[in-house]
C-alpha cells in the first residue's frame, strides 16, 4: 500500500512541475499552454488519489481511472 502512495505522489509531483513549466514558458503556441493546464489538473487528481490511497488503495485506483476518463472526455469536448 505504501508503494502505491509513493507512486501517486511522485507522479503527481512530476505532472505538476511539468505543467507549471509548460504554462510559464512564453510560447506563441496556445496548445502547449493548454497542455500545461491539463498536466496540472491531472497532477492534482493524482495527489488526491494518493491521499485516498493512504486509507483505501482500491478506491484510489477506481477514482484515478474515473477521474482520468472525465478529464479526457472534458478535453475532447472542449477541443471539438
C-alpha atoms as a PDB file:
ATOM      1  CA  UNK A   1       0.000   0.000   0.000  1.00  0.00           C
ATOM      2  CA  UNK A   2       2.798   2.417   0.791  1.00  0.00           C
ATOM      3  CA  UNK A   3       4.352   1.834  -2.621  1.00  0.00           C
ATOM      4  CA  UNK A   4       1.054   2.837  -4.261  1.00  0.00           C
ATOM      5  CA  UNK A   5       1.009   6.071  -2.271  1.00  0.00           C
ATOM      6  CA  UNK A   6       4.614   6.817  -3.213  1.00  0.00           C
ATOM      7  CA  UNK A   7       3.880   6.173  -6.895  1.00  0.00           C
ATOM      8  CA  UNK A   8       0.885   8.525  -6.806  1.00  0.00           C
ATOM      9  CA  UNK A   9       2.794  11.312  -5.067  1.00  0.00           C
ATOM     10  CA  UNK A  10       5.861  11.039  -7.318  1.00  0.00           C
ATOM     11  CA  UNK A  11       3.742  11.053 -10.483  1.00  0.00           C
ATOM     12  CA  UNK A  12       1.661  13.953  -9.141  1.00  0.00           C
ATOM     13  CA  UNK A  13       4.809  15.938  -8.434  1.00  0.00           C
ATOM     14  CA  UNK A  14       6.251  15.275 -11.879  1.00  0.00           C
ATOM     15  CA  UNK A  15       2.987  16.202 -13.606  1.00  0.00           C
ATOM     16  CA  UNK A  16       2.534  19.347 -11.531  1.00  0.00           C
ATOM     17  CA  UNK A  17       6.085  20.594 -12.126  1.00  0.00           C
ATOM     18  CA  UNK A  18       5.832  19.795 -15.851  1.00  0.00           C
ATOM     19  CA  UNK A  19       2.525  21.651 -16.048  1.00  0.00           C
ATOM     20  CA  UNK A  20       3.917  24.719 -14.305  1.00  0.00           C
ATOM     21  CA  UNK A  21       6.901  24.793 -16.657  1.00  0.00           C
ATOM     22  CA  UNK A  22       4.599  24.379 -19.674  1.00  0.00           C
ATOM     23  CA  UNK A  23       2.402  27.271 -18.517  1.00  0.00           C
ATOM     24  CA  UNK A  24       5.306  29.562 -17.662  1.00  0.00           C
ATOM     25  CA  UNK A  25       7.149  29.226 -20.955  1.00  0.00           C
ATOM     26  CA  UNK A  26       6.182  32.070 -23.234  1.00  0.00           C
ATOM     27  CA  UNK A  27       5.484  30.214 -26.460  1.00  0.00           C
ATOM     28  CA  UNK A  28       3.036  31.504 -29.020  1.00  0.00           C
ATOM     29  CA  UNK A  29       1.629  28.008 -29.438  1.00  0.00           C
ATOM     30  CA  UNK A  30      -1.553  28.009 -27.369  1.00  0.00           C
ATOM     31  CA  UNK A  31      -1.817  24.202 -27.446  1.00  0.00           C
ATOM     32  CA  UNK A  32       1.356  23.864 -25.371  1.00  0.00           C
ATOM     33  CA  UNK A  33      -0.017  26.209 -22.716  1.00  0.00           C
ATOM     34  CA  UNK A  34      -3.309  24.271 -22.638  1.00  0.00           C
ATOM     35  CA  UNK A  35      -1.311  21.078 -22.175  1.00  0.00           C
ATOM     36  CA  UNK A  36       0.235  22.646 -19.074  1.00  0.00           C
ATOM     37  CA  UNK A  37      -3.187  23.272 -17.575  1.00  0.00           C
ATOM     38  CA  UNK A  38      -4.213  19.666 -18.190  1.00  0.00           C
ATOM     39  CA  UNK A  39      -0.972  18.423 -16.654  1.00  0.00           C
ATOM     40  CA  UNK A  40      -1.637  20.471 -13.508  1.00  0.00           C
ATOM     41  CA  UNK A  41      -5.222  19.172 -13.274  1.00  0.00           C
ATOM     42  CA  UNK A  42      -4.087  15.576 -13.728  1.00  0.00           C
ATOM     43  CA  UNK A  43      -1.313  16.057 -11.159  1.00  0.00           C
ATOM     44  CA  UNK A  44      -3.807  17.403  -8.641  1.00  0.00           C
ATOM     45  CA  UNK A  45      -6.078  14.430  -9.296  1.00  0.00           C
ATOM     46  CA  UNK A  46      -3.222  12.007  -8.683  1.00  0.00           C
ATOM     47  CA  UNK A  47      -2.294  13.839  -5.470  1.00  0.00           C
ATOM     48  CA  UNK A  48      -5.866  13.460  -4.236  1.00  0.00           C
ATOM     49  CA  UNK A  49      -5.774   9.788  -5.159  1.00  0.00           C
ATOM     50  CA  UNK A  50      -2.520   9.468  -3.237  1.00  0.00           C
ATOM     51  CA  UNK A  51      -4.232  10.872  -0.172  1.00  0.00           C
ATOM     52  CA  UNK A  52      -7.123   8.451  -0.672  1.00  0.00           C
ATOM     53  CA  UNK A  53      -4.678   5.546  -1.147  1.00  0.00           C
ATOM     54  CA  UNK A  54      -3.371   6.081   2.369  1.00  0.00           C
ATOM     55  CA  UNK A  55      -6.682   4.799   3.704  1.00  0.00           C
ATOM     56  CA  UNK A  56      -8.152   2.709   0.857  1.00  0.00           C
ATOM     57  CA  UNK A  57      -5.967   1.625  -2.107  1.00  0.00           C
ATOM     58  CA  UNK A  58      -8.774   0.018  -4.144  1.00  0.00           C
ATOM     59  CA  UNK A  59     -10.926   3.162  -4.072  1.00  0.00           C
ATOM     60  CA  UNK A  60      -7.946   5.277  -5.149  1.00  0.00           C
ATOM     61  CA  UNK A  61      -7.352   3.141  -8.247  1.00  0.00           C
ATOM     62  CA  UNK A  62     -11.031   3.361  -9.172  1.00  0.00           C
ATOM     63  CA  UNK A  63     -11.081   7.137  -8.608  1.00  0.00           C
ATOM     64  CA  UNK A  64      -7.963   7.721 -10.745  1.00  0.00           C
ATOM     65  CA  UNK A  65      -9.491   5.743 -13.626  1.00  0.00           C
ATOM     66  CA  UNK A  66     -12.799   7.583 -13.393  1.00  0.00           C
ATOM     67  CA  UNK A  67     -11.066  10.940 -12.983  1.00  0.00           C
ATOM     68  CA  UNK A  68      -8.823  10.440 -15.992  1.00  0.00           C
ATOM     69  CA  UNK A  69     -11.828   9.373 -18.061  1.00  0.00           C
ATOM     70  CA  UNK A  70     -13.662  12.555 -17.038  1.00  0.00           C
ATOM     71  CA  UNK A  71     -10.618  14.707 -17.852  1.00  0.00           C
ATOM     72  CA  UNK A  72     -10.229  13.016 -21.242  1.00  0.00           C
ATOM     73  CA  UNK A  73     -13.914  13.500 -22.015  1.00  0.00           C
ATOM     74  CA  UNK A  74     -13.797  17.168 -20.998  1.00  0.00           C
ATOM     75  CA  UNK A  75     -10.697  17.766 -23.107  1.00  0.00           C
ATOM     76  CA  UNK A  76     -12.320  16.060 -26.089  1.00  0.00           C
ATOM     77  CA  UNK A  77     -15.494  18.130 -25.733  1.00  0.00           C
ATOM     78  CA  UNK A  78     -13.563  21.390 -25.402  1.00  0.00           C
ATOM     79  CA  UNK A  79     -11.441  20.604 -28.462  1.00  0.00           C
ATOM     80  CA  UNK A  80     -14.490  19.853 -30.618  1.00  0.00           C
END
